Amino acid sequence: MIVGRVIAVFAASGLSVVGAGSLFGIEVWKSVALAGGLGVATVVESLSRAYLGDGKLTADEIDSAFNLVDKKKPKP
């Protein structure tokens, strides 16, 4: 479940900047890799912090971590 969502974060974050990188002379694959990696890092950091608190992850903590990078979904 989490791995699939992380892949989706990479894709959504990376594909959202495809055109922007070319405006600054950055290769498309580098733009996608950087944006996707930063999106995944945001989620992984949030999941890590939630796990450190009590040694487990609840569904709400997982959803909250992924909502950080989902711009179209309203935050709770």
Protein backbone atom coordinates (compact mmCIF):
# COMPACT_ATOMS: atom_id res chain seq x y z
CA MET A 1 0.00 0.00 0.00
CA ILE A 2 2.63 2.54 1.04
CA VAL A 3 5.08 1.61 -1.73
CA GLY A 4 2.44 2.13 -4.41
CA ARG A 5 1.55 5.50 -2.95
CA VAL A 6 5.23 6.52 -2.83
CA ILE A 7 5.56 5.64 -6.52
CA ALA A 8 2.48 7.74 -7.23
CA VAL A 9 4.01 10.66 -5.30
CA PHE A 10 7.18 10.40 -7.39
CA ALA A 11 5.18 10.35 -10.63
CA ALA A 12 2.84 13.19 -9.67
CA SER A 13 5.61 15.40 -8.30
CA GLY A 14 7.97 14.69 -11.17
CA LEU A 15 5.53 15.08 -14.01
CA SER A 16 4.22 18.38 -12.67
CA VAL A 17 7.54 20.12 -13.48
CA VAL A 18 8.36 18.69 -16.90
CA GLY A 19 7.89 22.00 -18.71
CA ALA A 20 9.31 24.22 -15.99
CA GLY A 21 12.78 22.70 -16.10
CA SER A 22 13.12 23.23 -19.83
CA LEU A 23 12.60 26.97 -19.34
CA PHE A 24 15.83 27.07 -17.34
CA GLY A 25 17.81 24.73 -19.57
CA ILE A 26 17.54 21.71 -17.27
CA GLU A 27 17.15 18.33 -18.93
CA VAL A 28 13.66 16.85 -18.57
CA TRP A 29 14.81 13.69 -16.79
CA LYS A 30 16.76 15.74 -14.25
CA SER A 31 13.74 17.92 -13.52
CA VAL A 32 11.52 14.88 -13.06
CA ALA A 33 14.07 13.09 -10.87
CA LEU A 34 14.62 16.10 -8.64
CA ALA A 35 10.95 16.97 -8.18
CA GLY A 36 9.95 13.34 -7.70
CA GLY A 37 12.74 12.75 -5.22
CA LEU A 38 11.81 15.81 -3.20
CA GLY A 39 8.17 14.72 -3.08
CA VAL A 40 9.15 11.26 -1.87
CA ALA A 41 11.56 12.75 0.69
CA THR A 42 8.75 14.87 2.13
CA VAL A 43 6.55 11.82 2.60
CA VAL A 44 9.33 9.62 3.99
CA GLU A 45 10.35 12.32 6.48
CA SER A 46 6.78 12.69 7.72
CA LEU A 47 6.33 8.92 8.02
CA SER A 48 9.64 8.65 9.89
CA ARG A 49 8.69 11.36 12.35
CA ALA A 50 5.31 9.75 12.99
CA TYR A 51 6.97 6.36 13.54
CA LEU A 52 9.53 7.80 15.94
CA GLY A 53 6.75 9.04 18.21
CA ASP A 54 5.37 5.64 19.23
CA GLY A 55 6.96 2.99 17.01
CA LYS A 56 3.91 2.45 14.81
CA LEU A 57 2.04 4.12 12.00
CA THR A 58 -1.70 4.62 12.01
CA ALA A 59 -3.80 5.04 8.89
CA ASP A 60 -4.33 8.70 9.82
CA GLU A 61 -0.57 9.30 10.10
CA ILE A 62 0.01 7.67 6.73
CA ASP A 63 -2.75 9.68 5.08
CA SER A 64 -1.46 12.87 6.67
CA ALA A 65 2.05 12.24 5.29
CA PHE A 66 0.77 11.74 1.76
CA ASN A 67 -1.56 14.74 1.99
CA LEU A 68 1.54 16.95 2.37
CA VAL A 69 2.36 16.47 -1.30
CA ASP A 70 -1.16 16.11 -2.72
CA LYS A 71 -1.94 19.67 -3.78
CA LYS A 72 -5.38 18.88 -5.18
CA LYS A 73 -6.72 17.11 -2.12
CA PRO A 74 -7.97 19.33 0.72
CA LYS A 75 -5.99 18.94 3.91
CA PRO A 76 -7.98 17.76 6.97
